[in-house]
């Protein structure tokens, strides 16, 4: 395995990680900002108001995006397996 192969695998791993975690992080950020705006407008500073809706929405988005995430990780591992098989 050359340095180019190792860098290619590392780059693919990072891109797969970002592709899989990006949508979930965006959903969590959007819900967090919406709740923070709601709290700022109503001056309601309840701690559970932040965590419960965010956990529920992130869990729901995980269930919704799970097939996409599995397809991404499967494609990554198939690429790794092809590279391993192709080694001399």
C-alpha atoms as a PDB file:
ATOM      1  CA  UNK A   1       0.000   0.000   0.000  1.00  0.00           C
ATOM      2  CA  UNK A   2       1.409   3.329  -1.037  1.00  0.00           C
ATOM      3  CA  UNK A   3       0.980   6.714   0.556  1.00  0.00           C
ATOM      4  CA  UNK A   4      -1.519   7.650  -2.144  1.00  0.00           C
ATOM      5  CA  UNK A   5      -3.675   4.660  -1.268  1.00  0.00           C
ATOM      6  CA  UNK A   6      -3.593   5.492   2.425  1.00  0.00           C
ATOM      7  CA  UNK A   7      -4.458   9.139   1.781  1.00  0.00           C
ATOM      8  CA  UNK A   8      -7.252   8.108  -0.572  1.00  0.00           C
ATOM      9  CA  UNK A   9      -8.745   5.819   2.064  1.00  0.00           C
ATOM     10  CA  UNK A  10      -8.442   8.515   4.748  1.00  0.00           C
ATOM     11  CA  UNK A  11     -10.037  11.113   2.479  1.00  0.00           C
ATOM     12  CA  UNK A  12     -12.897   8.766   1.616  1.00  0.00           C
ATOM     13  CA  UNK A  13     -13.398   7.975   5.308  1.00  0.00           C
ATOM     14  CA  UNK A  14     -13.616  11.650   6.258  1.00  0.00           C
ATOM     15  CA  UNK A  15     -15.989  12.424   3.389  1.00  0.00           C
ATOM     16  CA  UNK A  16     -18.184   9.471   4.359  1.00  0.00           C
ATOM     17  CA  UNK A  17     -18.209  10.641   7.967  1.00  0.00           C
ATOM     18  CA  UNK A  18     -19.214  14.172   6.967  1.00  0.00           C
ATOM     19  CA  UNK A  19     -21.845  12.907   4.551  1.00  0.00           C
ATOM     20  CA  UNK A  20     -23.386  10.699   7.212  1.00  0.00           C
ATOM     21  CA  UNK A  21     -23.265  13.091  10.150  1.00  0.00           C
ATOM     22  CA  UNK A  22     -23.933  16.358   8.301  1.00  0.00           C
ATOM     23  CA  UNK A  23     -27.714  16.071   7.950  1.00  0.00           C
ATOM     24  CA  UNK A  24     -28.197  15.022  11.577  1.00  0.00           C
ATOM     25  CA  UNK A  25     -26.027  17.885  12.799  1.00  0.00           C
ATOM     26  CA  UNK A  26     -27.929  20.338  10.596  1.00  0.00           C
ATOM     27  CA  UNK A  27     -31.244  19.140  12.041  1.00  0.00           C
ATOM     28  CA  UNK A  28     -29.937  19.455  15.600  1.00  0.00           C
ATOM     29  CA  UNK A  29     -28.583  22.938  14.874  1.00  0.00           C
ATOM     30  CA  UNK A  30     -31.862  24.084  13.337  1.00  0.00           C
ATOM     31  CA  UNK A  31     -33.944  22.770  16.238  1.00  0.00           C
ATOM     32  CA  UNK A  32     -31.533  24.255  18.776  1.00  0.00           C
ATOM     33  CA  UNK A  33     -31.611  27.678  17.153  1.00  0.00           C
ATOM     34  CA  UNK A  34     -35.399  27.598  16.861  1.00  0.00           C
ATOM     35  CA  UNK A  35     -35.818  26.715  20.523  1.00  0.00           C
ATOM     36  CA  UNK A  36     -33.235  29.321  21.564  1.00  0.00           C
ATOM     37  CA  UNK A  37     -35.107  31.956  19.569  1.00  0.00           C
ATOM     38  CA  UNK A  38     -38.385  30.875  21.166  1.00  0.00           C
ATOM     39  CA  UNK A  39     -36.819  31.079  24.635  1.00  0.00           C
ATOM     40  CA  UNK A  40     -35.365  34.512  23.919  1.00  0.00           C
ATOM     41  CA  UNK A  41     -38.688  35.846  22.651  1.00  0.00           C
ATOM     42  CA  UNK A  42     -40.766  34.434  25.516  1.00  0.00           C
ATOM     43  CA  UNK A  43     -38.103  34.786  28.225  1.00  0.00           C
ATOM     44  CA  UNK A  44     -38.849  31.212  29.230  1.00  0.00           C
ATOM     45  CA  UNK A  45     -35.602  29.694  30.506  1.00  0.00           C
ATOM     46  CA  UNK A  46     -36.570  26.089  31.168  1.00  0.00           C
ATOM     47  CA  UNK A  47     -33.668  23.655  30.706  1.00  0.00           C
ATOM     48  CA  UNK A  48     -35.790  20.669  29.665  1.00  0.00           C
ATOM     49  CA  UNK A  49     -37.331  22.762  26.889  1.00  0.00           C
ATOM     50  CA  UNK A  50     -34.015  22.570  25.056  1.00  0.00           C
ATOM     51  CA  UNK A  51     -33.173  18.893  25.455  1.00  0.00           C
ATOM     52  CA  UNK A  52     -36.440  17.002  25.061  1.00  0.00           C
ATOM     53  CA  UNK A  53     -37.528  18.380  21.652  1.00  0.00           C
ATOM     54  CA  UNK A  54     -33.981  18.224  20.303  1.00  0.00           C
ATOM     55  CA  UNK A  55     -33.561  14.583  21.350  1.00  0.00           C
ATOM     56  CA  UNK A  56     -36.919  13.642  19.857  1.00  0.00           C
ATOM     57  CA  UNK A  57     -36.270  15.416  16.532  1.00  0.00           C
ATOM     58  CA  UNK A  58     -32.739  14.035  16.215  1.00  0.00           C
ATOM     59  CA  UNK A  59     -34.018  10.522  16.956  1.00  0.00           C
ATOM     60  CA  UNK A  60     -36.782  10.902  14.358  1.00  0.00           C
ATOM     61  CA  UNK A  61     -34.315  12.218  11.769  1.00  0.00           C
ATOM     62  CA  UNK A  62     -31.986   9.299  12.519  1.00  0.00           C
ATOM     63  CA  UNK A  63     -34.814   6.873  11.820  1.00  0.00           C
ATOM     64  CA  UNK A  64     -35.666   8.736   8.618  1.00  0.00           C
ATOM     65  CA  UNK A  65     -32.069   9.002   7.378  1.00  0.00           C
ATOM     66  CA  UNK A  66     -30.946   5.515   8.423  1.00  0.00           C
ATOM     67  CA  UNK A  67     -31.323   3.964   4.934  1.00  0.00           C
ATOM     68  CA  UNK A  68     -29.235   6.788   3.431  1.00  0.00           C
ATOM     69  CA  UNK A  69     -26.572   6.388   6.107  1.00  0.00           C
ATOM     70  CA  UNK A  70     -26.438   2.610   5.633  1.00  0.00           C
ATOM     71  CA  UNK A  71     -26.065   3.055   1.870  1.00  0.00           C
ATOM     72  CA  UNK A  72     -23.170   5.485   2.407  1.00  0.00           C
ATOM     73  CA  UNK A  73     -21.286   3.246   4.837  1.00  0.00           C
ATOM     74  CA  UNK A  74     -21.945   0.190   2.657  1.00  0.00           C
ATOM     75  CA  UNK A  75     -20.533   1.947  -0.399  1.00  0.00           C
ATOM     76  CA  UNK A  76     -17.473   3.007   1.610  1.00  0.00           C
ATOM     77  CA  UNK A  77     -16.796  -0.530   2.839  1.00  0.00           C
ATOM     78  CA  UNK A  78     -17.309  -1.966  -0.635  1.00  0.00           C
ATOM     79  CA  UNK A  79     -14.710   0.496  -1.928  1.00  0.00           C
ATOM     80  CA  UNK A  80     -12.302  -0.542   0.839  1.00  0.00           C
ATOM     81  CA  UNK A  81     -12.890  -4.221   0.052  1.00  0.00           C
ATOM     82  CA  UNK A  82     -12.253  -3.594  -3.646  1.00  0.00           C
ATOM     83  CA  UNK A  83      -8.973  -1.845  -2.793  1.00  0.00           C
ATOM     84  CA  UNK A  84      -7.917  -4.709  -0.526  1.00  0.00           C
ATOM     85  CA  UNK A  85      -8.743  -7.313  -3.183  1.00  0.00           C
ATOM     86  CA  UNK A  86      -6.901  -5.308  -5.815  1.00  0.00           C
ATOM     87  CA  UNK A  87      -3.660  -5.239  -3.831  1.00  0.00           C
ATOM     88  CA  UNK A  88      -0.883  -7.499  -5.175  1.00  0.00           C
END
